[in-house]
Amino acid sequence: MLKRHFKLPQIFFINFFLLLFGTLIIASFIVYYSIQQIEVKQFTNQLRSEIAYVRAMLDEGKSLEAAAAEMGEIMGRPLRVTLISMEGRPLFDNEADVNTMENHANRPEVMAARRRGFGTAVRYSETVKNDRIYVAKKIVWNGKPAILRLSVSLETIMFDFRMLWFRLASVFLAALVIGYLISRALQRRIDEELGKLTDYLKAIADKNYQANFSAGFSEEFTTIAILLKKLARRLEKNEKKKRKYNAKLRFISKQRNDMISAISHEFKNPVAAIMGYTETLLDDDELPKPIRRKFLERIEQNARRITQMIDRLSFMTRMESSEIKPQMSDFDFEKVVLDAVHALERKYAGREIVVEGEPVTIHADKTMMEMAVINLIDNALKYSEDEVRIILNENEFCIVDKGQGIPEKELESITKKFYRIEKNSWDNSMGLGLAIVKYILKLHRSDLVITSEVGRGTIICFSIPSVCIIKKNEGSTQSH
């Protein structure tokens, strides 16, 4: 319950109070019984000597009244003197009327004195109604044996105990006040440290992992500060990992959406064409043979377009997942360029492609380089109407067109997957051409360099020396 309703310093003070109070109670009992034993032993020994002195005074002829008064003055406290017959009948008592007193034969000190000649006892007196110390001795009184008994009240012991207890209580109160002041000082310091700790935890909760927390009040708070800083660093690392993971998920999701969008858009036209031509052929059995053949050719062309798009998409996916490794070999790069030009001249009839090159033998993946060259030339022909110029030497491969150009803000994005400047054009490339080229060149440790000016054309180059080993026709080899 204390933990729920009190602060730490208050709990400390309450526990401190309970400890001191318990200590005071226990010390009181110990001191009381210690004083009692010491005082009882002291008074008993004193009464032993005093009873002999009273006996001597009686032998000198003094009366019991005079002897009792004189001994009381010597001891500094009232001394009760009682004379008892061997049968237990009180013969004299200086504090009570012997005629009203009970028979004392069964009193412990009296019985001990009758048996051994001397007896002591500490008990409650029914006659004078208080606790007393008794010492009894067997003597001869007027020629007959009798018991002489002396006793003093234990009120002195209680008085001494009360004085000592008062001193202890004073020390207790002083310790309580000091403890309270210390607890207040502790509370201020602990509240200050807990305030820092709370602010730091709030900062961590708000993901402010650079917040600072210093503690110097105690070793425990220092340990907490160190552990919290380690926790903050760990949370910060986890947060960074989480952000990267979420970014990766968003990127994958975007890629998937782009892929679905591109596939949906690019497959729509050829699929629609195939369906249209097929329905016409199925509905009209009397369609002239030349027209039927033309429709079948169109169906075959669109099916090939779909196959090419699927192949490009599959190739790109396999390349990104590192499933495709370059198969390096020596080959004439100029011949690869000329073969690509020849193939595209049939596709783009009437277009002029100028090759300014020289025989250059390189060490690379021939299939990949063929795909890269075809994609670049096809891209230049697709987005321009004038001649396309190809420059090839031992240092670089460039394609120059005089097309519409690429806006500067889109130059960095043009090589990304599914990215196209004119998204609603007739183009069926899915925006993968330059992305595939970029991946191929990356595998050969090269990259595309694109410069363009809107309305004037585009130049796309990649550096051959950074791709591979250049081998000139005369057989000499140069490493880069």
Protein backbone atom coordinates (compact mmCIF):
# COMPACT_ATOMS: atom_id res chain seq x y z
CA MET A 1 0.00 0.00 0.00
CA LEU A 2 2.88 2.38 0.75
CA LYS A 3 4.14 1.96 -2.81
CA ARG A 4 0.83 3.15 -4.27
CA HIS A 5 0.21 6.29 -2.21
CA PHE A 6 3.63 7.65 -1.22
CA LYS A 7 6.73 8.88 -2.97
CA LEU A 8 10.07 7.20 -2.47
CA PRO A 9 11.42 9.73 0.12
CA GLN A 10 8.13 9.51 2.03
CA ILE A 11 8.42 5.74 2.10
CA PHE A 12 11.99 6.16 3.33
CA PHE A 13 10.87 8.53 6.12
CA ILE A 14 7.97 6.28 7.20
CA ASN A 15 10.24 3.26 7.30
CA PHE A 16 12.83 5.31 9.17
CA PHE A 17 10.16 6.41 11.69
CA LEU A 18 8.92 2.84 12.19
CA LEU A 19 12.48 1.63 12.63
CA LEU A 20 13.25 4.29 15.23
CA PHE A 21 9.94 3.76 17.02
CA GLY A 22 10.45 0.02 17.14
CA THR A 23 14.00 0.54 18.35
CA LEU A 24 12.74 2.88 21.10
CA ILE A 25 10.14 0.34 22.29
CA ILE A 26 12.62 -2.52 22.33
CA ALA A 27 15.27 -0.37 23.97
CA SER A 28 12.73 0.71 26.62
CA PHE A 29 12.03 -2.87 27.63
CA ILE A 30 15.71 -3.76 27.62
CA VAL A 31 16.68 -0.67 29.63
CA TYR A 32 13.81 -1.12 32.08
CA TYR A 33 14.69 -4.71 32.90
CA SER A 34 18.40 -3.93 32.92
CA ILE A 35 17.88 -1.07 35.38
CA GLN A 36 15.54 -3.22 37.43
CA GLN A 37 18.07 -6.01 37.71
CA ILE A 38 20.92 -3.61 38.50
CA GLU A 39 18.90 -1.61 41.01
CA VAL A 40 17.40 -4.69 42.65
CA LYS A 41 20.82 -6.23 43.04
CA GLN A 42 22.24 -2.97 44.35
CA PHE A 43 19.43 -2.38 46.86
CA THR A 44 19.47 -6.00 47.89
CA ASN A 45 23.18 -5.83 48.69
CA GLN A 46 22.66 -2.51 50.44
CA LEU A 47 19.80 -3.86 52.53
CA ARG A 48 21.94 -6.85 53.46
CA SER A 49 24.49 -4.52 55.00
CA GLU A 50 21.86 -2.20 56.46
CA ILE A 51 20.00 -4.98 58.24
CA ALA A 52 23.20 -5.83 60.11
CA TYR A 53 23.58 -2.17 61.00
CA VAL A 54 19.99 -2.03 62.34
CA ARG A 55 20.68 -5.14 64.38
CA ALA A 56 23.68 -3.44 65.89
CA MET A 57 21.64 -0.33 66.71
CA LEU A 58 19.08 -2.51 68.45
CA ASP A 59 21.83 -4.12 70.49
CA GLU A 60 22.91 -0.66 71.53
CA GLY A 61 19.42 -0.18 73.00
CA LYS A 62 17.90 1.99 70.34
CA SER A 63 14.26 1.47 69.48
CA LEU A 64 13.07 0.16 66.11
CA GLU A 65 11.42 3.51 65.37
CA ALA A 66 14.70 5.37 65.92
CA ALA A 67 16.71 2.79 63.96
CA ALA A 68 14.27 2.96 60.99
CA ALA A 69 14.34 6.76 60.93
CA GLU A 70 18.10 6.92 61.15
CA MET A 71 18.60 4.32 58.38
CA GLY A 72 16.08 6.12 56.11
CA GLU A 73 18.12 9.29 56.45
CA ILE A 74 21.34 7.44 55.70
CA MET A 75 19.88 5.72 52.58
CA GLY A 76 18.23 8.90 51.33
CA ARG A 77 14.86 7.24 50.80
CA PRO A 78 12.07 5.87 53.05
CA LEU A 79 13.05 2.56 54.67
CA ARG A 80 10.34 0.23 55.89
CA VAL A 81 11.30 -1.79 58.93
CA THR A 82 9.18 -4.74 60.05
CA LEU A 83 9.67 -7.15 62.94
CA ILE A 84 7.93 -10.50 62.55
CA SER A 85 7.60 -13.37 65.00
CA MET A 86 8.68 -16.86 64.00
CA GLU A 87 4.98 -17.72 63.65
CA GLY A 88 4.55 -14.86 61.08
CA ARG A 89 2.73 -12.39 63.29
CA PRO A 90 3.88 -8.77 62.66
CA LEU A 91 5.34 -7.28 65.87
CA PHE A 92 6.44 -3.90 64.50
CA ASP A 93 6.12 -1.91 61.25
CA ASN A 94 7.10 1.73 60.88
CA GLU A 95 4.70 2.31 57.91
CA ALA A 96 1.65 0.25 58.86
CA ASP A 97 -0.50 -0.75 61.84
CA VAL A 98 0.57 -4.26 62.89
CA ASN A 99 -2.92 -4.90 64.28
CA THR A 100 -4.40 -4.71 60.76
CA MET A 101 -1.62 -6.58 59.00
CA GLU A 102 -1.98 -10.16 57.80
CA ASN A 103 0.13 -13.02 59.02
CA HIS A 104 3.47 -12.99 57.17
CA ALA A 105 4.41 -16.63 57.67
CA ASN A 106 3.92 -17.36 53.95
CA ARG A 107 5.95 -14.44 52.70
CA PRO A 108 8.88 -15.76 50.55
CA GLU A 109 11.55 -13.73 52.34
CA VAL A 110 10.18 -14.71 55.76
CA MET A 111 10.10 -18.41 54.90
CA ALA A 112 13.66 -18.23 53.54
CA ALA A 113 14.89 -16.44 56.67
CA ARG A 114 13.28 -19.08 58.93
CA ARG A 115 14.97 -21.87 56.95
CA ARG A 116 18.40 -20.40 56.16
CA GLY A 117 18.63 -17.37 58.43
CA PHE A 118 18.47 -14.91 55.55
CA GLY A 119 16.03 -14.29 52.68
CA THR A 120 15.28 -11.82 49.87
CA ALA A 121 12.31 -11.16 47.59
CA VAL A 122 11.00 -8.66 45.01
CA ARG A 123 7.21 -8.55 45.01
CA TYR A 124 4.07 -6.49 45.35
CA SER A 125 3.12 -5.46 48.88
CA GLU A 126 -0.53 -5.90 49.74
CA THR A 127 -0.05 -3.77 52.85
CA VAL A 128 1.42 -0.58 51.32
CA LYS A 129 0.22 -1.27 47.77
CA ASN A 130 3.42 -0.98 45.71
CA ASP A 131 6.34 -3.06 44.42
CA ARG A 132 9.18 -3.46 46.90
CA ILE A 133 12.52 -5.15 47.58
CA TYR A 134 12.57 -7.23 50.77
CA VAL A 135 15.51 -8.46 52.84
CA ALA A 136 14.81 -10.56 55.95
CA LYS A 137 17.17 -11.90 58.65
CA LYS A 138 16.66 -14.14 61.62
CA ILE A 139 17.62 -12.35 64.89
CA VAL A 140 17.05 -12.65 68.67
CA TRP A 141 14.56 -10.08 70.01
CA ASN A 142 14.01 -9.83 73.75
CA GLY A 143 15.50 -13.27 74.18
CA LYS A 144 13.30 -14.86 71.53
CA PRO A 145 14.01 -15.60 67.85
CA ALA A 146 12.30 -13.23 65.40
CA ILE A 147 12.55 -12.04 61.78
CA LEU A 148 13.85 -8.53 61.07
CA ARG A 149 12.80 -7.34 57.60
CA LEU A 150 13.85 -4.22 55.69
CA SER A 151 12.31 -3.06 52.40
CA VAL A 152 12.43 -0.12 49.96
CA SER A 153 9.98 0.83 47.17
CA LEU A 154 10.80 0.17 43.54
CA GLU A 155 9.50 3.62 42.66
CA THR A 156 13.12 4.72 42.54
CA ILE A 157 13.77 2.24 39.74
CA MET A 158 10.76 3.55 37.83
CA PHE A 159 11.95 7.11 38.37
CA ASP A 160 15.41 6.25 37.02
CA PHE A 161 13.79 4.42 34.10
CA ARG A 162 11.55 7.36 33.29
CA MET A 163 14.51 9.72 33.28
CA LEU A 164 16.49 7.46 30.99
CA TRP A 165 13.46 6.89 28.75
CA PHE A 166 12.98 10.65 28.50
CA ARG A 167 16.55 10.97 27.32
CA LEU A 168 16.02 8.18 24.80
CA ALA A 169 12.80 9.80 23.60
CA SER A 170 14.66 13.09 23.18
CA VAL A 171 17.30 11.36 21.07
CA PHE A 172 14.49 9.67 19.13
CA LEU A 173 12.80 12.98 18.40
CA ALA A 174 16.08 14.56 17.37
CA ALA A 175 16.80 11.62 15.04
CA LEU A 176 13.24 11.89 13.69
CA VAL A 177 13.70 15.57 12.89
CA ILE A 178 17.07 14.91 11.26
CA GLY A 179 15.57 11.99 9.33
CA TYR A 180 12.72 14.21 8.13
CA LEU A 181 15.13 16.89 6.94
CA ILE A 182 17.25 14.28 5.18
CA SER A 183 14.16 12.73 3.55
CA ARG A 184 13.07 16.18 2.32
CA ALA A 185 16.50 16.78 0.82
CA LEU A 186 16.42 13.30 -0.72
CA GLN A 187 12.94 13.96 -2.09
CA ARG A 188 14.09 17.11 -3.85
CA ARG A 189 17.07 15.35 -5.39
CA ILE A 190 15.11 12.25 -6.35
CA ASP A 191 12.27 14.36 -7.78
CA GLU A 192 14.86 16.21 -9.85
CA GLU A 193 16.38 12.96 -11.14
CA LEU A 194 12.96 11.42 -11.77
CA GLY A 195 11.95 14.57 -13.65
CA LYS A 196 14.99 14.19 -15.91
CA LEU A 197 14.19 10.51 -16.33
CA THR A 198 10.56 11.25 -17.21
CA ASP A 199 11.54 13.91 -19.76
CA TYR A 200 14.04 11.52 -21.33
CA LEU A 201 11.47 8.73 -21.57
CA LYS A 202 9.00 11.17 -23.18
CA ALA A 203 11.69 12.15 -25.69
CA ILE A 204 12.29 8.48 -26.53
CA ALA A 205 8.54 7.94 -26.85
CA ASP A 206 8.51 10.86 -29.33
CA LYS A 207 11.39 9.13 -31.19
CA ASN A 208 13.87 11.85 -30.24
CA TYR A 209 16.74 9.43 -29.75
CA GLN A 210 19.35 12.20 -29.67
CA ALA A 211 18.00 13.58 -26.38
CA ASN A 212 20.50 13.72 -23.51
CA PHE A 213 20.06 12.37 -19.98
CA SER A 214 22.73 12.73 -17.30
CA ALA A 215 22.40 11.44 -13.74
CA GLY A 216 24.89 11.94 -10.92
CA PHE A 217 22.77 11.64 -7.80
CA SER A 218 23.51 7.99 -7.14
CA GLU A 219 25.03 4.93 -8.76
CA GLU A 220 21.57 3.48 -9.37
CA PHE A 221 20.43 6.51 -11.40
CA THR A 222 23.73 6.47 -13.32
CA THR A 223 23.15 2.80 -14.18
CA ILE A 224 19.57 3.61 -15.28
CA ALA A 225 20.88 6.44 -17.47
CA ILE A 226 23.44 4.14 -19.14
CA LEU A 227 20.84 1.42 -19.76
CA LEU A 228 18.32 3.93 -21.16
CA LYS A 229 20.92 5.36 -23.53
CA LYS A 230 21.70 1.84 -24.76
CA LEU A 231 17.97 1.25 -25.18
CA ALA A 232 17.62 4.53 -27.12
CA ARG A 233 20.47 3.55 -29.47
CA ARG A 234 18.89 0.14 -30.01
CA LEU A 235 15.48 1.70 -30.65
CA GLU A 236 17.05 4.17 -33.06
CA LYS A 237 18.70 1.31 -34.99
CA ASN A 238 15.43 -0.60 -35.04
CA GLU A 239 13.61 2.52 -36.21
CA LYS A 240 16.10 2.98 -39.04
CA LYS A 241 15.72 -0.67 -40.00
CA LYS A 242 11.96 -0.27 -39.86
CA ARG A 243 12.08 2.83 -42.08
CA LYS A 244 14.34 1.02 -44.55
CA TYR A 245 12.08 -2.00 -44.48
CA ASN A 246 8.98 0.13 -45.00
CA ALA A 247 10.71 2.02 -47.79
CA LYS A 248 11.65 -1.27 -49.37
CA LEU A 249 8.06 -2.49 -49.05
CA ARG A 250 6.78 0.73 -50.61
CA PHE A 251 9.33 0.41 -53.39
CA ILE A 252 8.35 -3.22 -54.03
CA SER A 253 4.70 -2.25 -53.94
CA LYS A 254 5.35 0.58 -56.39
CA GLN A 255 7.29 -1.77 -58.64
CA ARG A 256 4.45 -4.26 -58.55
CA ASN A 257 1.88 -1.56 -59.30
CA ASP A 258 4.05 -0.15 -62.08
CA MET A 259 4.48 -3.61 -63.53
CA ILE A 260 0.76 -4.35 -63.40
CA SER A 261 -0.02 -0.94 -64.90
CA ALA A 262 2.59 -1.35 -67.64
CA ILE A 263 1.51 -4.88 -68.48
CA SER A 264 -2.14 -3.85 -68.51
CA HIS A 265 -1.45 -0.85 -70.72
CA GLU A 266 1.00 -2.45 -73.16
CA PHE A 267 -0.76 -5.76 -73.51
CA LYS A 268 -4.12 -4.11 -74.14
CA ASN A 269 -3.49 -3.04 -77.74
CA PRO A 270 -1.91 -6.25 -79.09
CA VAL A 271 -4.44 -8.41 -77.27
CA ALA A 272 -7.28 -6.28 -78.60
CA ALA A 273 -5.82 -6.52 -82.12
CA ILE A 274 -5.50 -10.31 -81.89
CA MET A 275 -9.05 -10.61 -80.61
CA GLY A 276 -10.38 -8.30 -83.37
CA TYR A 277 -8.64 -10.11 -86.21
CA THR A 278 -9.57 -13.51 -84.76
CA GLU A 279 -13.25 -12.60 -84.40
CA THR A 280 -13.30 -11.34 -88.00
CA LEU A 281 -11.76 -14.57 -89.24
CA LEU A 282 -14.23 -16.67 -87.22
CA ASP A 283 -17.28 -14.66 -88.29
CA ASP A 284 -16.51 -14.52 -92.01
CA ASP A 285 -15.68 -17.87 -93.58
CA GLU A 286 -15.77 -16.33 -97.06
CA LEU A 287 -13.08 -13.73 -96.31
CA PRO A 288 -10.71 -13.45 -99.33
CA LYS A 289 -7.47 -15.35 -98.93
CA PRO A 290 -5.16 -12.30 -99.20
CA ILE A 291 -7.10 -10.49 -96.51
CA ARG A 292 -7.21 -13.65 -94.36
CA ARG A 293 -3.43 -13.99 -94.74
CA LYS A 294 -2.95 -10.31 -93.84
CA PHE A 295 -5.07 -10.74 -90.72
CA LEU A 296 -3.10 -13.84 -89.70
CA GLU A 297 0.14 -11.93 -90.20
CA ARG A 298 -1.17 -9.15 -87.95
CA ILE A 299 -2.16 -11.74 -85.33
CA GLU A 300 1.34 -13.25 -85.55
CA GLN A 301 2.98 -9.80 -85.26
CA ASN A 302 0.96 -8.88 -82.16
CA ALA A 303 1.60 -12.29 -80.60
CA ARG A 304 5.33 -11.75 -81.23
CA ARG A 305 5.09 -8.31 -79.64
CA ILE A 306 3.51 -9.87 -76.53
CA THR A 307 6.22 -12.53 -76.47
CA GLN A 308 8.94 -9.89 -76.75
CA MET A 309 7.41 -7.86 -73.93
CA ILE A 310 7.20 -10.96 -71.73
CA ASP A 311 10.78 -11.87 -72.57
CA ARG A 312 11.97 -8.36 -71.69
CA LEU A 313 10.06 -8.42 -68.42
CA SER A 314 11.39 -11.88 -67.57
CA PHE A 315 14.93 -10.86 -68.49
CA MET A 316 14.72 -7.74 -66.32
CA THR A 317 13.36 -9.71 -63.37
CA ARG A 318 16.05 -12.39 -63.65
CA MET A 319 18.76 -9.79 -64.01
CA GLU A 320 17.62 -7.91 -60.88
CA SER A 321 17.57 -11.13 -58.88
CA SER A 322 21.13 -11.90 -60.05
CA GLU A 323 20.01 -15.06 -61.82
CA ILE A 324 21.82 -14.00 -65.01
CA LYS A 325 25.62 -13.93 -65.03
CA PRO A 326 27.65 -12.49 -67.93
CA GLN A 327 29.16 -15.16 -70.21
CA MET A 328 32.34 -13.41 -71.27
CA SER A 329 33.97 -13.99 -74.68
CA ASP A 330 35.95 -12.14 -77.36
CA PHE A 331 33.99 -10.75 -80.31
CA ASP A 332 33.98 -7.93 -82.84
CA PHE A 333 31.84 -5.19 -81.35
CA GLU A 334 31.57 -3.36 -84.69
CA LYS A 335 29.94 -6.41 -86.28
CA VAL A 336 27.41 -6.54 -83.43
CA VAL A 337 26.56 -2.89 -84.13
CA LEU A 338 26.25 -3.43 -87.89
CA ASP A 339 24.01 -6.50 -87.41
CA ALA A 340 21.74 -4.50 -85.11
CA VAL A 341 21.56 -1.65 -87.64
CA HIS A 342 20.70 -4.08 -90.43
CA ALA A 343 17.89 -5.65 -88.39
CA LEU A 344 16.37 -2.31 -87.43
CA GLU A 345 16.55 -0.91 -90.98
CA ARG A 346 13.93 -3.47 -91.97
CA LYS A 347 11.74 -2.44 -89.03
CA TYR A 348 12.15 1.30 -89.69
CA ALA A 349 12.04 1.32 -93.49
CA GLY A 350 13.14 4.59 -94.99
CA ARG A 351 15.05 5.74 -91.91
CA GLU A 352 18.71 6.64 -92.27
CA ILE A 353 21.25 5.16 -89.81
CA VAL A 354 24.84 6.36 -90.18
CA VAL A 355 27.63 4.30 -88.59
CA GLU A 356 30.97 5.96 -87.94
CA GLY A 357 33.01 3.12 -86.56
CA GLU A 358 36.14 1.04 -86.59
CA PRO A 359 36.70 -2.64 -85.93
CA VAL A 360 37.06 -3.15 -82.16
CA THR A 361 37.29 -6.58 -80.52
CA ILE A 362 36.08 -6.62 -76.92
CA HIS A 363 35.79 -9.17 -74.13
CA ALA A 364 32.19 -9.14 -72.86
CA ASP A 365 28.86 -10.99 -72.89
CA LYS A 366 27.94 -10.90 -76.58
CA THR A 367 24.21 -11.57 -76.11
CA MET A 368 23.84 -8.84 -73.52
CA MET A 369 25.81 -6.33 -75.60
CA GLU A 370 23.66 -7.13 -78.66
CA MET A 371 20.54 -6.47 -76.57
CA ALA A 372 22.00 -3.21 -75.24
CA VAL A 373 22.94 -1.94 -78.74
CA ILE A 374 19.54 -2.88 -80.25
CA ASN A 375 17.67 -1.20 -77.40
CA LEU A 376 19.67 2.02 -77.73
CA ILE A 377 19.35 2.23 -81.54
CA ASP A 378 15.66 1.29 -81.41
CA ASN A 379 15.06 3.94 -78.76
CA ALA A 380 16.79 6.61 -80.90
CA LEU A 381 14.78 5.68 -84.00
CA LYS A 382 11.54 5.58 -82.06
CA TYR A 383 11.81 9.10 -80.66
CA SER A 384 13.29 10.89 -83.68
CA GLU A 385 12.45 11.39 -87.36
CA ASP A 386 15.78 12.46 -88.88
CA GLU A 387 18.90 10.40 -89.28
CA VAL A 388 20.46 8.53 -86.34
CA ARG A 389 24.23 8.59 -86.09
CA ILE A 390 26.28 5.87 -84.38
CA ILE A 391 29.88 6.57 -83.29
CA LEU A 392 32.13 3.65 -82.31
CA ASN A 393 35.79 3.70 -81.37
CA GLU A 394 38.02 1.99 -78.86
CA ASN A 395 36.96 4.42 -76.13
CA GLU A 396 33.19 4.71 -76.37
CA PHE A 397 29.96 3.88 -78.11
CA CYS A 398 27.54 6.76 -78.79
CA ILE A 399 24.17 7.22 -80.47
CA VAL A 400 23.16 10.70 -81.64
CA ASP A 401 19.61 11.58 -82.72
CA LYS A 402 17.87 14.82 -83.65
CA GLY A 403 14.60 13.96 -82.00
CA GLN A 404 12.39 15.75 -79.55
CA GLY A 405 14.93 15.55 -76.71
CA ILE A 406 14.47 14.81 -73.03
CA PRO A 407 13.60 17.50 -70.43
CA GLU A 408 16.41 18.02 -67.95
CA LYS A 409 14.20 17.20 -64.97
CA GLU A 410 13.54 13.73 -66.44
CA LEU A 411 17.13 12.78 -67.29
CA GLU A 412 17.68 11.04 -63.93
CA SER A 413 14.44 9.08 -64.22
CA ILE A 414 14.66 8.00 -67.84
CA THR A 415 16.59 4.81 -67.01
CA LYS A 416 14.14 3.65 -64.34
CA LYS A 417 11.86 0.67 -64.96
CA PHE A 418 8.48 1.40 -66.59
CA TYR A 419 9.35 5.09 -66.95
CA ARG A 420 8.36 6.76 -70.21
CA ILE A 421 8.10 10.43 -71.07
CA GLU A 422 5.11 9.95 -73.34
CA LYS A 423 3.03 7.43 -71.47
CA ASN A 424 0.14 7.49 -73.97
CA SER A 425 2.24 7.11 -77.12
CA TRP A 426 2.12 4.16 -79.44
CA ASP A 427 5.31 2.83 -77.81
CA ASN A 428 5.04 -0.74 -76.58
CA SER A 429 8.44 -0.92 -74.89
CA MET A 430 6.94 -0.92 -71.36
CA GLY A 431 9.65 1.55 -70.36
CA LEU A 432 12.19 -1.25 -69.92
CA GLY A 433 14.63 -0.55 -72.78
CA LEU A 434 17.01 1.89 -71.08
CA ALA A 435 16.57 0.13 -67.74
CA ILE A 436 17.77 -3.13 -69.29
CA VAL A 437 20.71 -1.34 -70.93
CA LYS A 438 21.67 0.23 -67.61
CA TYR A 439 21.67 -3.17 -65.85
CA ILE A 440 23.71 -4.76 -68.62
CA LEU A 441 26.33 -2.01 -68.49
CA LYS A 442 26.37 -2.23 -64.69
CA LEU A 443 27.28 -5.91 -64.95
CA HIS A 444 30.16 -4.81 -67.22
CA ARG A 445 31.21 -2.02 -64.85
CA SER A 446 30.03 0.79 -67.12
CA ASP A 447 27.15 3.26 -67.14
CA LEU A 448 25.08 5.37 -69.50
CA VAL A 449 25.90 9.03 -70.02
CA ILE A 450 22.89 10.91 -71.41
CA THR A 451 22.91 14.50 -72.62
CA SER A 452 19.87 16.03 -74.23
CA GLU A 453 18.33 19.31 -75.27
CA VAL A 454 14.61 19.65 -75.82
CA GLY A 455 13.84 20.19 -79.51
CA ARG A 456 17.38 19.44 -80.67
CA GLY A 457 18.04 15.81 -79.83
CA THR A 458 19.79 13.39 -77.49
CA ILE A 459 23.25 11.82 -77.20
CA ILE A 460 23.59 8.52 -75.30
CA CYS A 461 27.07 7.06 -74.68
CA PHE A 462 28.82 4.44 -72.63
CA SER A 463 32.55 4.01 -72.16
CA ILE A 464 34.04 0.87 -73.70
CA PRO A 465 37.37 0.86 -71.79
CA SER A 466 35.49 0.70 -68.51
CA VAL A 467 33.53 -2.26 -69.80
CA CYS A 468 36.20 -4.73 -70.74
CA ILE A 469 39.54 -5.45 -72.34
CA ILE A 470 39.92 -3.77 -75.74
CA LYS A 471 41.50 -5.85 -78.50
CA LYS A 472 42.41 -4.11 -81.77
CA ASN A 473 42.43 -5.96 -85.04
CA GLU A 474 46.20 -6.19 -85.26
CA GLY A 475 46.09 -8.49 -82.21
CA SER A 476 47.57 -6.26 -79.57
CA THR A 477 45.74 -6.34 -76.19
CA GLN A 478 45.24 -3.43 -73.83
CA SER A 479 43.88 -3.86 -70.27
CA HIS A 480 41.66 -1.29 -68.57
